[in-house]
């Protein structure tokens, strides 16, 4: 049974190495998306059901950062919304430190704020938490905060103007003030 044990170890090592390579590639894609300042990348033709399945597995395994990273890297906002629907924001953001890395938070803010007209309440919950978890002492975060938060403010203002009587407006205005405070710091 030493042979089986060795095979298990070899397979485990190979899978771990492959996942590390995939993580590095995904991190590069997320950073490139943030640096490009694109609001929402155009969707690629990819089997979203397959991606949803992969993302669901990551969520089940408790790999929340990787699940968001894969969804954000897919350049498909529906996958990002899918993760947001499957993961309770308190599960993510009530942990210290926040399990989402700074590039993931920035990309999440960027992609969720691109269209505030759909899934508004869900997006608002995540945007609020993501903004509150930005680390302004992180140099990469500090560099990208102005563009990402100004775009968020613009989209929130468009939503507020188009939907002045919506029940979420008050909360959105509070989020606007929080983003302005971060921009001023």
N, C-alpha and C. Protein backbone atom coordinates (compact mmCIF):
# COMPACT_ATOMS: atom_id res chain seq x y z
N UNK A 1 0.81 -1.20 0.00
CA UNK A 1 0.00 0.00 0.00
C UNK A 1 0.85 1.26 0.00
N UNK A 2 2.18 1.07 0.04
CA UNK A 2 3.07 2.23 -0.08
C UNK A 2 2.94 2.84 -1.46
N UNK A 3 2.70 1.99 -2.45
CA UNK A 3 2.54 2.47 -3.82
C UNK A 3 1.33 3.38 -3.92
N UNK A 4 0.24 2.96 -3.33
CA UNK A 4 -0.99 3.78 -3.35
C UNK A 4 -0.74 5.09 -2.63
N UNK A 5 -0.05 5.01 -1.51
CA UNK A 5 0.28 6.21 -0.75
C UNK A 5 1.14 7.16 -1.57
N UNK A 6 2.13 6.61 -2.26
CA UNK A 6 3.00 7.44 -3.11
C UNK A 6 2.22 8.06 -4.26
N UNK A 7 1.32 7.29 -4.84
CA UNK A 7 0.49 7.82 -5.93
C UNK A 7 -0.37 8.96 -5.42
N UNK A 8 -0.99 8.77 -4.25
CA UNK A 8 -1.82 9.83 -3.67
C UNK A 8 -1.01 11.09 -3.43
N UNK A 9 0.19 10.93 -2.92
CA UNK A 9 1.05 12.09 -2.65
C UNK A 9 1.43 12.78 -3.95
N UNK A 10 1.79 11.99 -4.96
CA UNK A 10 2.16 12.56 -6.26
C UNK A 10 1.00 13.30 -6.91
N UNK A 11 -0.19 12.70 -6.85
CA UNK A 11 -1.37 13.35 -7.42
C UNK A 11 -1.67 14.63 -6.67
N UNK A 12 -1.61 14.56 -5.35
CA UNK A 12 -1.87 15.75 -4.53
C UNK A 12 -0.88 16.86 -4.86
N UNK A 13 0.40 16.51 -4.98
CA UNK A 13 1.41 17.52 -5.33
C UNK A 13 1.16 18.12 -6.70
N UNK A 14 0.80 17.26 -7.66
CA UNK A 14 0.55 17.75 -9.03
C UNK A 14 -0.64 18.69 -9.06
N UNK A 15 -1.70 18.33 -8.34
CA UNK A 15 -2.89 19.18 -8.30
C UNK A 15 -2.57 20.51 -7.62
N UNK A 16 -1.82 20.46 -6.53
CA UNK A 16 -1.44 21.68 -5.82
C UNK A 16 -0.63 22.60 -6.72
N UNK A 17 0.34 22.03 -7.45
CA UNK A 17 1.15 22.83 -8.36
C UNK A 17 0.30 23.44 -9.47
N UNK A 18 -0.61 22.64 -10.03
CA UNK A 18 -1.48 23.14 -11.10
C UNK A 18 -2.37 24.27 -10.59
N UNK A 19 -2.88 24.13 -9.38
CA UNK A 19 -3.72 25.18 -8.80
C UNK A 19 -2.92 26.46 -8.56
N UNK A 20 -1.67 26.32 -8.13
CA UNK A 20 -0.83 27.51 -7.93
C UNK A 20 -0.59 28.23 -9.25
N UNK A 21 -0.31 27.47 -10.30
CA UNK A 21 -0.09 28.07 -11.62
C UNK A 21 -1.36 28.78 -12.08
N UNK A 22 -2.51 28.13 -11.88
CA UNK A 22 -3.79 28.74 -12.26
C UNK A 22 -4.04 30.01 -11.45
N UNK A 23 -3.73 29.98 -10.16
CA UNK A 23 -3.94 31.15 -9.31
C UNK A 23 -3.08 32.32 -9.77
N UNK A 24 -1.83 32.06 -10.09
CA UNK A 24 -0.94 33.12 -10.56
C UNK A 24 -1.48 33.71 -11.86
N UNK A 25 -1.94 32.84 -12.76
CA UNK A 25 -2.49 33.32 -14.03
C UNK A 25 -3.74 34.16 -13.80
N UNK A 26 -4.61 33.71 -12.91
CA UNK A 26 -5.84 34.46 -12.63
C UNK A 26 -5.53 35.79 -11.96
N UNK A 27 -4.57 35.80 -11.03
CA UNK A 27 -4.20 37.06 -10.38
C UNK A 27 -3.69 38.06 -11.40
N UNK A 28 -2.90 37.57 -12.35
CA UNK A 28 -2.40 38.44 -13.41
C UNK A 28 -3.52 39.01 -14.25
N UNK A 29 -4.52 38.18 -14.55
CA UNK A 29 -5.67 38.64 -15.34
C UNK A 29 -6.46 39.69 -14.58
N UNK A 30 -6.68 39.45 -13.28
CA UNK A 30 -7.44 40.42 -12.47
C UNK A 30 -6.69 41.74 -12.39
N UNK A 31 -5.39 41.69 -12.14
CA UNK A 31 -4.61 42.93 -12.08
C UNK A 31 -4.62 43.65 -13.42
N UNK A 32 -4.53 42.91 -14.51
CA UNK A 32 -4.57 43.53 -15.84
C UNK A 32 -5.92 44.20 -16.07
N UNK A 33 -7.00 43.58 -15.61
CA UNK A 33 -8.32 44.18 -15.77
C UNK A 33 -8.44 45.46 -14.97
N UNK A 34 -7.90 45.46 -13.75
CA UNK A 34 -7.95 46.67 -12.92
C UNK A 34 -7.11 47.77 -13.55
N UNK A 35 -5.92 47.40 -14.02
CA UNK A 35 -5.04 48.40 -14.63
C UNK A 35 -5.61 48.96 -15.92
N UNK A 36 -6.38 48.15 -16.65
CA UNK A 36 -6.93 48.61 -17.94
C UNK A 36 -8.02 49.65 -17.73
N UNK A 37 -8.55 49.69 -16.51
CA UNK A 37 -9.62 50.62 -16.16
C UNK A 37 -10.88 50.39 -16.99
N UNK A 38 -11.00 49.21 -17.56
CA UNK A 38 -12.22 48.88 -18.30
C UNK A 38 -13.33 48.71 -17.29
N UNK A 39 -14.51 49.22 -17.62
CA UNK A 39 -15.62 49.14 -16.68
C UNK A 39 -16.04 47.69 -16.50
N UNK A 40 -16.44 47.04 -17.56
CA UNK A 40 -16.74 45.62 -17.53
C UNK A 40 -16.23 45.02 -18.82
N UNK A 41 -15.34 44.07 -18.72
CA UNK A 41 -14.82 43.48 -19.94
C UNK A 41 -15.91 42.77 -20.74
N UNK A 42 -15.73 42.73 -22.04
CA UNK A 42 -16.70 42.05 -22.90
C UNK A 42 -16.68 40.56 -22.59
N UNK A 43 -17.86 39.93 -22.59
CA UNK A 43 -17.91 38.51 -22.25
C UNK A 43 -17.24 37.64 -23.31
N UNK A 44 -16.54 36.64 -22.85
CA UNK A 44 -15.92 35.68 -23.76
C UNK A 44 -16.92 34.55 -23.98
N UNK A 45 -16.73 33.85 -25.07
CA UNK A 45 -17.60 32.70 -25.33
C UNK A 45 -17.01 31.51 -24.59
N UNK A 46 -17.54 31.27 -23.42
CA UNK A 46 -17.06 30.19 -22.57
C UNK A 46 -18.29 29.51 -21.99
N UNK A 47 -18.19 28.26 -21.71
CA UNK A 47 -19.30 27.54 -21.12
C UNK A 47 -19.49 28.01 -19.69
N UNK A 48 -20.46 28.90 -19.50
CA UNK A 48 -20.64 29.48 -18.16
C UNK A 48 -21.15 28.45 -17.16
N UNK A 49 -21.86 27.43 -17.63
CA UNK A 49 -22.29 26.39 -16.70
C UNK A 49 -21.09 25.65 -16.12
N UNK A 50 -20.10 25.39 -16.96
CA UNK A 50 -18.88 24.73 -16.50
C UNK A 50 -18.17 25.63 -15.49
N UNK A 51 -18.09 26.91 -15.82
CA UNK A 51 -17.44 27.85 -14.90
C UNK A 51 -18.22 27.95 -13.59
N UNK A 52 -19.55 27.98 -13.69
CA UNK A 52 -20.36 28.02 -12.47
C UNK A 52 -20.08 26.79 -11.61
N UNK A 53 -19.95 25.64 -12.26
CA UNK A 53 -19.66 24.41 -11.53
C UNK A 53 -18.31 24.52 -10.82
N UNK A 54 -17.30 25.00 -11.53
CA UNK A 54 -15.97 25.17 -10.92
C UNK A 54 -16.04 26.15 -9.74
N UNK A 55 -16.75 27.24 -9.95
CA UNK A 55 -16.88 28.25 -8.90
C UNK A 55 -17.63 27.68 -7.70
N UNK A 56 -18.68 26.91 -7.96
CA UNK A 56 -19.43 26.28 -6.86
C UNK A 56 -18.53 25.36 -6.05
N UNK A 57 -17.66 24.63 -6.73
CA UNK A 57 -16.72 23.75 -6.02
C UNK A 57 -15.78 24.56 -5.13
N UNK A 58 -15.29 25.67 -5.66
CA UNK A 58 -14.40 26.53 -4.87
C UNK A 58 -15.12 27.05 -3.63
N UNK A 59 -16.38 27.47 -3.81
CA UNK A 59 -17.17 27.98 -2.68
C UNK A 59 -17.36 26.87 -1.65
N UNK A 60 -17.72 25.68 -2.12
CA UNK A 60 -17.93 24.54 -1.23
C UNK A 60 -16.67 24.22 -0.44
N UNK A 61 -15.52 24.38 -1.08
CA UNK A 61 -14.24 24.11 -0.42
C UNK A 61 -13.78 25.27 0.46
N UNK A 62 -14.59 26.34 0.51
CA UNK A 62 -14.24 27.49 1.34
C UNK A 62 -13.21 28.40 0.71
N UNK A 63 -12.95 28.22 -0.57
CA UNK A 63 -11.96 29.03 -1.28
C UNK A 63 -12.66 30.24 -1.91
N UNK A 64 -13.11 31.14 -1.07
CA UNK A 64 -13.92 32.28 -1.49
C UNK A 64 -13.12 33.23 -2.38
N UNK A 65 -11.89 33.55 -1.99
CA UNK A 65 -11.07 34.46 -2.81
C UNK A 65 -10.90 33.89 -4.21
N UNK A 66 -10.61 32.60 -4.31
CA UNK A 66 -10.41 31.97 -5.61
C UNK A 66 -11.70 31.95 -6.42
N UNK A 67 -12.84 31.75 -5.75
CA UNK A 67 -14.12 31.74 -6.45
C UNK A 67 -14.39 33.11 -7.07
N UNK A 68 -14.17 34.17 -6.28
CA UNK A 68 -14.36 35.52 -6.82
C UNK A 68 -13.34 35.80 -7.92
N UNK A 69 -12.11 35.35 -7.70
CA UNK A 69 -11.06 35.59 -8.69
C UNK A 69 -11.42 34.95 -10.03
N UNK A 70 -11.90 33.72 -9.98
CA UNK A 70 -12.27 33.04 -11.23
C UNK A 70 -13.43 33.75 -11.91
N UNK A 71 -14.43 34.15 -11.13
CA UNK A 71 -15.59 34.84 -11.71
C UNK A 71 -15.18 36.18 -12.31
N UNK A 72 -14.37 36.93 -11.60
CA UNK A 72 -13.94 38.24 -12.08
C UNK A 72 -13.05 38.12 -13.31
N UNK A 73 -12.23 37.08 -13.35
CA UNK A 73 -11.33 36.88 -14.49
C UNK A 73 -12.05 36.40 -15.74
N UNK A 74 -13.25 35.87 -15.57
CA UNK A 74 -14.00 35.34 -16.71
C UNK A 74 -14.58 36.45 -17.58
N UNK A 75 -14.54 37.68 -17.09
CA UNK A 75 -15.08 38.82 -17.84
C UNK A 75 -16.56 38.62 -18.16
N UNK A 76 -17.28 38.06 -17.19
CA UNK A 76 -18.71 37.80 -17.36
C UNK A 76 -19.40 38.20 -16.06
N UNK A 77 -20.08 39.33 -16.08
CA UNK A 77 -20.69 39.86 -14.86
C UNK A 77 -21.71 38.88 -14.26
N UNK A 78 -22.33 38.06 -15.10
CA UNK A 78 -23.30 37.10 -14.56
C UNK A 78 -22.62 36.09 -13.63
N UNK A 79 -21.37 35.76 -13.90
CA UNK A 79 -20.64 34.85 -12.99
C UNK A 79 -20.30 35.55 -11.68
N UNK A 80 -19.99 36.83 -11.75
CA UNK A 80 -19.70 37.59 -10.54
C UNK A 80 -20.96 37.67 -9.68
N UNK A 81 -22.09 37.96 -10.30
CA UNK A 81 -23.36 38.02 -9.58
C UNK A 81 -23.69 36.64 -9.01
N UNK A 82 -23.39 35.60 -9.77
CA UNK A 82 -23.62 34.22 -9.31
C UNK A 82 -22.88 33.97 -7.99
N UNK A 83 -21.61 34.36 -7.93
CA UNK A 83 -20.83 34.17 -6.69
C UNK A 83 -21.44 34.99 -5.57
N UNK A 84 -21.81 36.23 -5.87
CA UNK A 84 -22.42 37.09 -4.85
C UNK A 84 -23.71 36.49 -4.31
N UNK A 85 -24.48 35.84 -5.18
CA UNK A 85 -25.72 35.22 -4.74
C UNK A 85 -25.46 33.98 -3.89
N UNK A 86 -24.37 33.28 -4.17
CA UNK A 86 -24.07 32.02 -3.48
C UNK A 86 -23.33 32.22 -2.15
N UNK A 87 -22.68 33.35 -2.00
CA UNK A 87 -21.87 33.59 -0.80
C UNK A 87 -22.47 34.75 0.00
N UNK A 88 -22.76 34.49 1.25
CA UNK A 88 -23.30 35.52 2.13
C UNK A 88 -22.21 36.56 2.38
N UNK A 89 -22.50 37.85 2.14
CA UNK A 89 -21.47 38.87 2.34
C UNK A 89 -20.89 38.88 3.76
N UNK A 90 -21.71 38.56 4.76
CA UNK A 90 -21.20 38.52 6.13
C UNK A 90 -20.19 37.39 6.29
N UNK A 91 -20.40 36.29 5.56
CA UNK A 91 -19.47 35.16 5.59
C UNK A 91 -18.09 35.61 5.10
N UNK A 92 -18.08 36.52 4.15
CA UNK A 92 -16.83 36.98 3.56
C UNK A 92 -16.22 38.11 4.38
N UNK A 93 -17.01 39.13 4.66
CA UNK A 93 -16.45 40.38 5.16
C UNK A 93 -16.38 40.48 6.68
N UNK A 94 -16.98 39.55 7.41
CA UNK A 94 -16.89 39.60 8.87
C UNK A 94 -15.65 38.88 9.39
N UNK A 95 -14.79 38.44 8.48
CA UNK A 95 -13.55 37.79 8.87
C UNK A 95 -12.43 38.83 8.93
N UNK A 96 -11.51 38.63 9.85
CA UNK A 96 -10.35 39.52 9.93
C UNK A 96 -9.10 38.68 9.84
N UNK A 97 -8.25 38.90 8.86
CA UNK A 97 -8.43 39.87 7.78
C UNK A 97 -9.44 39.38 6.75
N UNK A 98 -9.89 40.28 5.92
CA UNK A 98 -10.83 39.94 4.86
C UNK A 98 -10.18 38.91 3.94
N UNK A 99 -10.88 37.81 3.63
CA UNK A 99 -10.28 36.78 2.79
C UNK A 99 -10.10 37.19 1.32
N UNK A 100 -10.75 38.28 0.93
CA UNK A 100 -10.59 38.74 -0.45
C UNK A 100 -9.37 39.66 -0.53
N UNK A 101 -8.47 39.34 -1.44
CA UNK A 101 -7.27 40.15 -1.62
C UNK A 101 -7.64 41.49 -2.24
N UNK A 102 -6.79 42.47 -2.06
CA UNK A 102 -7.06 43.84 -2.53
C UNK A 102 -7.35 43.91 -4.04
N UNK A 103 -6.60 43.23 -4.91
CA UNK A 103 -6.95 43.29 -6.34
C UNK A 103 -8.35 42.73 -6.62
N UNK A 104 -8.75 41.72 -5.85
CA UNK A 104 -10.08 41.13 -6.01
C UNK A 104 -11.13 42.15 -5.58
N UNK A 105 -10.91 42.82 -4.45
CA UNK A 105 -11.86 43.84 -3.99
C UNK A 105 -12.02 44.96 -5.02
N UNK A 106 -10.89 45.43 -5.56
CA UNK A 106 -10.95 46.51 -6.55
C UNK A 106 -11.70 46.07 -7.81
N UNK A 107 -11.39 44.88 -8.28
CA UNK A 107 -12.05 44.36 -9.48
C UNK A 107 -13.54 44.13 -9.21
N UNK A 108 -13.86 43.65 -8.01
CA UNK A 108 -15.26 43.43 -7.64
C UNK A 108 -16.03 44.74 -7.65
N UNK A 109 -15.46 45.77 -7.06
CA UNK A 109 -16.10 47.09 -7.06
C UNK A 109 -16.28 47.58 -8.49
N UNK A 110 -15.25 47.44 -9.27
CA UNK A 110 -15.27 47.90 -10.66
C UNK A 110 -16.37 47.20 -11.47
N UNK A 111 -16.43 45.89 -11.37
CA UNK A 111 -17.40 45.15 -12.18
C UNK A 111 -18.82 45.27 -11.67
N UNK A 112 -19.01 45.24 -10.34
CA UNK A 112 -20.37 45.35 -9.80
C UNK A 112 -20.97 46.73 -10.06
N UNK A 113 -20.14 47.75 -10.06
CA UNK A 113 -20.67 49.11 -10.23
C UNK A 113 -20.94 49.47 -11.68
N UNK A 114 -20.51 48.64 -12.61
CA UNK A 114 -20.68 48.96 -14.03
C UNK A 114 -22.15 49.10 -14.42
N UNK A 115 -23.01 48.31 -13.80
CA UNK A 115 -24.44 48.38 -14.11
C UNK A 115 -25.22 48.22 -12.81
N UNK A 116 -25.63 49.33 -12.26
CA UNK A 116 -26.35 49.31 -10.99
C UNK A 116 -27.85 49.04 -11.15
N UNK A 117 -28.33 49.01 -12.38
CA UNK A 117 -29.76 48.85 -12.62
C UNK A 117 -30.25 47.41 -12.37
N UNK A 118 -29.36 46.45 -12.47
CA UNK A 118 -29.73 45.04 -12.27
C UNK A 118 -29.09 44.52 -10.99
N UNK A 119 -29.86 43.72 -10.24
CA UNK A 119 -29.37 43.14 -8.98
C UNK A 119 -28.86 44.23 -8.03
N UNK A 120 -29.56 45.35 -8.00
CA UNK A 120 -29.08 46.54 -7.28
C UNK A 120 -28.82 46.27 -5.80
N UNK A 121 -29.76 45.65 -5.10
CA UNK A 121 -29.58 45.45 -3.66
C UNK A 121 -28.42 44.52 -3.36
N UNK A 122 -28.30 43.45 -4.12
CA UNK A 122 -27.19 42.51 -3.93
C UNK A 122 -25.86 43.21 -4.20
N UNK A 123 -25.79 43.93 -5.30
CA UNK A 123 -24.56 44.64 -5.64
C UNK A 123 -24.22 45.68 -4.58
N UNK A 124 -25.24 46.39 -4.11
CA UNK A 124 -25.01 47.41 -3.08
C UNK A 124 -24.40 46.80 -1.82
N UNK A 125 -24.95 45.65 -1.38
CA UNK A 125 -24.42 44.99 -0.18
C UNK A 125 -22.93 44.69 -0.36
N UNK A 126 -22.60 44.12 -1.51
CA UNK A 126 -21.19 43.76 -1.76
C UNK A 126 -20.32 44.99 -1.94
N UNK A 127 -20.83 46.00 -2.64
CA UNK A 127 -20.05 47.22 -2.84
C UNK A 127 -19.74 47.89 -1.51
N UNK A 128 -20.75 47.96 -0.66
CA UNK A 128 -20.58 48.58 0.65
C UNK A 128 -19.48 47.87 1.45
N UNK A 129 -19.55 46.55 1.49
CA UNK A 129 -18.56 45.78 2.24
C UNK A 129 -17.18 45.86 1.60
N UNK A 130 -17.14 45.78 0.27
CA UNK A 130 -15.85 45.82 -0.43
C UNK A 130 -15.15 47.16 -0.21
N UNK A 131 -15.91 48.24 -0.31
CA UNK A 131 -15.33 49.58 -0.09
C UNK A 131 -14.78 49.68 1.33
N UNK A 132 -15.53 49.17 2.30
CA UNK A 132 -15.09 49.27 3.69
C UNK A 132 -13.86 48.40 3.98
N UNK A 133 -13.57 47.45 3.11
CA UNK A 133 -12.42 46.56 3.31
C UNK A 133 -11.22 46.91 2.45
N UNK A 134 -11.29 48.04 1.75
CA UNK A 134 -10.13 48.49 0.98
C UNK A 134 -9.04 48.94 1.95
N UNK A 135 -7.83 48.55 1.67
CA UNK A 135 -6.68 48.91 2.51
C UNK A 135 -5.93 50.05 1.83
N UNK A 136 -6.16 51.28 2.31
CA UNK A 136 -5.55 52.45 1.68
C UNK A 136 -4.05 52.53 1.93
N UNK A 137 -3.53 51.67 2.81
CA UNK A 137 -2.09 51.65 3.03
C UNK A 137 -1.38 50.73 2.03
N UNK A 138 -2.15 49.90 1.34
CA UNK A 138 -1.59 49.01 0.31
C UNK A 138 -1.29 49.86 -0.93
N UNK A 139 -0.04 49.85 -1.38
CA UNK A 139 0.37 50.72 -2.49
C UNK A 139 -0.41 50.47 -3.77
N UNK A 140 -0.63 49.20 -4.11
CA UNK A 140 -1.38 48.88 -5.33
C UNK A 140 -2.82 49.38 -5.21
N UNK A 141 -3.41 49.18 -4.05
CA UNK A 141 -4.78 49.63 -3.82
C UNK A 141 -4.85 51.15 -3.92
N UNK A 142 -3.91 51.81 -3.25
CA UNK A 142 -3.87 53.27 -3.23
C UNK A 142 -3.78 53.84 -4.65
N UNK A 143 -3.02 53.16 -5.49
CA UNK A 143 -2.84 53.61 -6.88
C UNK A 143 -4.15 53.54 -7.68
N UNK A 144 -4.96 52.52 -7.42
CA UNK A 144 -6.17 52.29 -8.23
C UNK A 144 -7.45 52.84 -7.61
N UNK A 145 -7.41 53.17 -6.32
CA UNK A 145 -8.62 53.67 -5.65
C UNK A 145 -9.27 54.85 -6.38
N UNK A 146 -8.52 55.87 -6.77
CA UNK A 146 -9.20 57.03 -7.39
C UNK A 146 -10.05 56.66 -8.60
N UNK A 147 -9.51 55.91 -9.53
CA UNK A 147 -10.28 55.57 -10.73
C UNK A 147 -11.46 54.66 -10.43
N UNK A 148 -11.23 53.65 -9.60
CA UNK A 148 -12.29 52.69 -9.29
C UNK A 148 -13.42 53.37 -8.52
N UNK A 149 -13.08 54.17 -7.50
CA UNK A 149 -14.12 54.80 -6.68
C UNK A 149 -14.83 55.94 -7.41
N UNK A 150 -14.13 56.66 -8.26
CA UNK A 150 -14.81 57.71 -9.04
C UNK A 150 -15.82 57.09 -9.99
N UNK A 151 -15.46 55.96 -10.60
CA UNK A 151 -16.40 55.26 -11.49
C UNK A 151 -17.60 54.76 -10.68
N UNK A 152 -17.35 54.25 -9.48
CA UNK A 152 -18.43 53.80 -8.61
C UNK A 152 -19.35 54.96 -8.27
N UNK A 153 -18.78 56.09 -7.90
CA UNK A 153 -19.60 57.26 -7.56
C UNK A 153 -20.46 57.71 -8.75
N UNK A 154 -19.87 57.70 -9.92
CA UNK A 154 -20.61 58.10 -11.13
C UNK A 154 -21.80 57.17 -11.34
N UNK A 155 -21.57 55.87 -11.23
CA UNK A 155 -22.65 54.91 -11.45
C UNK A 155 -23.74 55.01 -10.37
N UNK A 156 -23.32 55.25 -9.13
CA UNK A 156 -24.32 55.42 -8.07
C UNK A 156 -25.15 56.67 -8.31
N UNK A 157 -24.51 57.75 -8.74
CA UNK A 157 -25.23 58.99 -9.00
C UNK A 157 -26.23 58.80 -10.14
N UNK A 158 -25.83 58.08 -11.17
CA UNK A 158 -26.75 57.79 -12.28
C UNK A 158 -27.95 57.00 -11.77
N UNK A 159 -27.72 56.03 -10.90
CA UNK A 159 -28.81 55.24 -10.35
C UNK A 159 -29.73 56.10 -9.49
N UNK A 160 -29.14 56.91 -8.64
CA UNK A 160 -29.93 57.78 -7.75
C UNK A 160 -30.79 58.74 -8.56
N UNK A 161 -30.21 59.31 -9.60
CA UNK A 161 -30.95 60.25 -10.46
C UNK A 161 -32.09 59.54 -11.18
N UNK A 162 -31.85 58.33 -11.64
CA UNK A 162 -32.88 57.59 -12.39
C UNK A 162 -33.94 56.97 -11.49
N UNK A 163 -33.63 56.76 -10.22
CA UNK A 163 -34.55 56.09 -9.29
C UNK A 163 -34.65 56.83 -7.97
N UNK A 164 -35.09 58.09 -7.99
CA UNK A 164 -35.05 58.92 -6.77
C UNK A 164 -35.90 58.39 -5.61
N UNK A 165 -36.91 57.59 -5.89
CA UNK A 165 -37.80 57.13 -4.82
C UNK A 165 -37.53 55.70 -4.39
N UNK A 166 -36.49 55.08 -4.91
CA UNK A 166 -36.18 53.70 -4.54
C UNK A 166 -35.74 53.65 -3.08
N UNK A 167 -36.12 52.57 -2.40
CA UNK A 167 -35.82 52.44 -0.97
C UNK A 167 -34.32 52.34 -0.66
N UNK A 168 -33.51 52.01 -1.66
CA UNK A 168 -32.08 51.83 -1.43
C UNK A 168 -31.28 53.13 -1.56
N UNK A 169 -31.94 54.20 -1.98
CA UNK A 169 -31.24 55.47 -2.25
C UNK A 169 -30.51 55.99 -1.02
N UNK A 170 -31.14 55.94 0.13
CA UNK A 170 -30.50 56.45 1.35
C UNK A 170 -29.20 55.70 1.62
N UNK A 171 -29.24 54.38 1.52
CA UNK A 171 -28.03 53.57 1.73
C UNK A 171 -26.98 53.87 0.67
N UNK A 172 -27.43 54.12 -0.54
CA UNK A 172 -26.49 54.42 -1.62
C UNK A 172 -25.80 55.77 -1.38
N UNK A 173 -26.55 56.72 -0.84
CA UNK A 173 -25.95 58.03 -0.54
C UNK A 173 -24.90 57.90 0.57
N UNK A 174 -25.17 57.03 1.53
CA UNK A 174 -24.19 56.79 2.60
C UNK A 174 -22.92 56.16 2.00
N UNK A 175 -23.10 55.24 1.07
CA UNK A 175 -21.95 54.63 0.40
C UNK A 175 -21.19 55.67 -0.42
N UNK A 176 -21.91 56.60 -1.02
CA UNK A 176 -21.25 57.68 -1.75
C UNK A 176 -20.36 58.50 -0.81
N UNK A 177 -20.89 58.79 0.38
CA UNK A 177 -20.10 59.56 1.35
C UNK A 177 -18.85 58.78 1.79
N UNK A 178 -19.01 57.48 1.98
CA UNK A 178 -17.86 56.65 2.37
C UNK A 178 -16.80 56.64 1.27
N UNK A 179 -17.24 56.53 0.03
CA UNK A 179 -16.27 56.53 -1.08
C UNK A 179 -15.58 57.89 -1.19
N UNK A 180 -16.34 58.96 -0.97
CA UNK A 180 -15.75 60.30 -1.03
C UNK A 180 -14.71 60.47 0.08
N UNK A 181 -15.01 59.93 1.24
CA UNK A 181 -14.07 59.99 2.36
C UNK A 181 -12.77 59.26 2.01
N UNK A 182 -12.88 58.11 1.38
CA UNK A 182 -11.68 57.37 0.97
C UNK A 182 -10.90 58.14 -0.10
N UNK A 183 -11.62 58.78 -1.00
CA UNK A 183 -10.96 59.56 -2.05
C UNK A 183 -10.22 60.76 -1.46
N UNK A 184 -10.77 61.32 -0.39
CA UNK A 184 -10.15 62.49 0.25
C UNK A 184 -8.98 62.13 1.15
N UNK A 185 -8.89 60.85 1.53
CA UNK A 185 -7.82 60.48 2.48
C UNK A 185 -6.48 60.27 1.80
